Amino acid sequence: MFNKKHRIVIDSINSVLGESTHLDGKLVFAGTMRIDGKVDGEIFSEKKSGVLNTLIIGEKASISGDIHADTVINSGQICGNIFAASRVAINDPGSLIGDVETAELTVEEGVIFNGKCIMLRQ
């Protein structure tokens, strides 16, 4: 799942919300999902035994709402809180205006993170 530099390696993406798409409401996904569009509302991953749910937020994506997933990889703009059981990675040019609750947090240089972090035990 992680390579030597501790970056996440994704085998496949199950769902994509494209750049020209705007979703207003609750989004529920399972497996790996990539968002390149705009979401106004909460995002939840389904809890399934043995499945690690990963949300990838692309550079052009904009999220307004809380996110609940196992792993969140953000390169876009998030205004809301992230609750991730496993890991959160905020990559340049990403930004997060909100709080994070996770077991592992990675923030690249150049990222905007305005919030607090609560570290969970794995």
Protein backbone atom coordinates (compact mmCIF):
# COMPACT_ATOMS: atom_id res chain seq x y z
CA MET A 1 0.00 0.00 0.00
CA PHE A 2 2.89 2.40 0.75
CA ASN A 3 6.13 2.65 -1.18
CA LYS A 4 9.53 3.47 0.37
CA LYS A 5 8.81 7.21 0.52
CA HIS A 6 5.56 6.48 2.38
CA ARG A 7 3.40 7.57 -0.55
CA ILE A 8 0.19 5.73 -1.22
CA VAL A 9 0.09 3.45 -4.25
CA ILE A 10 -3.40 3.00 -5.75
CA ASP A 11 -4.07 -0.20 -7.70
CA SER A 12 -7.38 0.87 -9.29
CA ILE A 13 -10.05 3.56 -9.10
CA ASN A 14 -13.66 2.37 -8.81
CA SER A 15 -15.47 5.70 -9.32
CA VAL A 16 -14.68 9.13 -10.79
CA LEU A 17 -16.51 12.43 -10.40
CA GLY A 18 -15.30 14.40 -13.42
CA GLU A 19 -14.01 17.95 -13.64
CA SER A 20 -17.23 19.31 -15.19
CA THR A 21 -19.47 17.67 -12.55
CA HIS A 22 -21.08 19.46 -9.58
CA LEU A 23 -22.72 17.33 -6.89
CA ASP A 24 -24.93 18.99 -4.28
CA GLY A 25 -25.79 16.56 -1.46
CA LYS A 26 -24.49 13.43 0.24
CA LEU A 27 -21.97 11.21 -1.60
CA VAL A 28 -21.37 7.59 -0.53
CA PHE A 29 -18.65 5.44 -2.15
CA ALA A 30 -16.81 2.15 -1.69
CA GLY A 31 -13.29 1.23 -2.77
CA THR A 32 -11.27 4.02 -4.37
CA MET A 33 -12.90 7.19 -5.68
CA ARG A 34 -11.38 10.19 -7.46
CA ILE A 35 -13.03 13.61 -7.44
CA ASP A 36 -11.99 16.24 -9.98
CA GLY A 37 -15.21 18.28 -9.87
CA LYS A 38 -17.13 20.15 -7.18
CA VAL A 39 -18.96 18.63 -4.20
CA ASP A 40 -21.16 20.63 -1.83
CA GLY A 41 -22.10 18.18 0.92
CA GLU A 42 -20.76 15.34 3.04
CA ILE A 43 -18.74 12.45 1.63
CA PHE A 44 -18.87 9.01 3.27
CA SER A 45 -17.16 5.72 2.50
CA GLU A 46 -19.09 2.49 3.04
CA LYS A 47 -17.83 0.29 5.84
CA LYS A 48 -17.06 -3.15 4.39
CA SER A 49 -14.90 -5.77 6.02
CA GLY A 50 -11.47 -6.02 4.42
CA VAL A 51 -12.00 -3.02 2.11
CA LEU A 52 -9.80 0.07 2.47
CA ASN A 53 -11.78 3.04 1.16
CA THR A 54 -9.62 5.75 -0.39
CA LEU A 55 -10.73 9.18 -1.58
CA ILE A 56 -8.48 11.02 -4.05
CA ILE A 57 -9.18 14.72 -4.52
CA GLY A 58 -7.60 16.11 -7.69
CA GLU A 59 -5.95 19.52 -8.13
CA LYS A 60 -9.02 21.09 -9.77
CA ALA A 61 -11.51 19.67 -7.25
CA SER A 62 -13.41 21.73 -4.69
CA ILE A 63 -15.10 20.15 -1.66
CA SER A 64 -17.37 22.00 0.79
CA GLY A 65 -18.36 19.57 3.53
CA ASP A 66 -17.03 16.91 5.87
CA ILE A 67 -15.27 13.77 4.62
CA HIS A 68 -15.42 10.33 6.28
CA ALA A 69 -13.09 7.71 4.72
CA ASP A 70 -10.22 5.37 5.58
CA THR A 71 -7.65 7.30 3.53
CA VAL A 72 -7.89 10.78 1.99
CA ILE A 73 -5.36 12.10 -0.54
CA ASN A 74 -5.95 15.79 -1.24
CA SER A 75 -4.43 17.95 -3.96
CA GLY A 76 -7.51 20.18 -4.32
CA GLN A 77 -9.46 22.60 -2.15
CA ILE A 78 -11.37 21.37 0.92
CA CYS A 79 -13.47 23.49 3.25
CA GLY A 80 -14.64 21.03 5.89
CA ASN A 81 -13.39 18.45 8.36
CA ILE A 82 -11.70 15.15 7.50
CA PHE A 83 -12.27 12.00 9.57
CA ALA A 84 -9.91 9.30 8.24
CA ALA A 85 -9.31 6.07 10.16
CA SER A 86 -5.99 5.36 8.43
CA ARG A 87 -4.29 8.31 6.74
CA VAL A 88 -4.59 11.82 5.33
CA ALA A 89 -2.13 13.25 2.78
CA ILE A 90 -2.35 16.90 1.74
CA ASN A 91 -0.26 17.44 -1.37
CA ASP A 92 0.84 20.69 -3.04
CA PRO A 93 -1.13 22.64 -4.37
CA GLY A 94 -3.89 21.39 -2.05
CA SER A 95 -5.52 23.28 0.77
CA LEU A 96 -7.62 22.32 3.78
CA ILE A 97 -9.64 24.78 5.81
CA GLY A 98 -10.90 22.51 8.59
CA ASP A 99 -9.87 19.96 11.17
CA VAL A 100 -8.36 16.50 10.67
CA GLU A 101 -8.86 13.37 12.78
CA THR A 102 -6.60 10.53 11.62
CA ALA A 103 -3.89 8.04 12.58
CA GLU A 104 -1.31 9.42 10.13
CA LEU A 105 -0.98 12.88 8.54
CA THR A 106 1.34 13.99 5.75
CA VAL A 107 1.48 17.65 4.67
CA GLU A 108 3.71 18.67 1.76
CA GLU A 109 5.57 21.96 1.63
CA GLY A 110 3.49 24.70 0.00
CA VAL A 111 0.15 23.39 1.26
CA ILE A 112 -2.38 25.58 3.07
CA PHE A 113 -3.72 23.89 6.22
CA ASN A 114 -5.80 26.06 8.51
CA GLY A 115 -7.22 23.87 11.27
CA LYS A 116 -6.25 21.46 13.99
CA CYS A 117 -5.30 17.80 13.96
CA ILE A 118 -6.26 15.04 16.37
CA MET A 119 -4.05 11.97 16.02
CA LEU A 120 -5.72 8.59 16.54
CA ARG A 121 -4.06 5.38 17.63
CA GLN A 122 -3.96 2.66 14.99
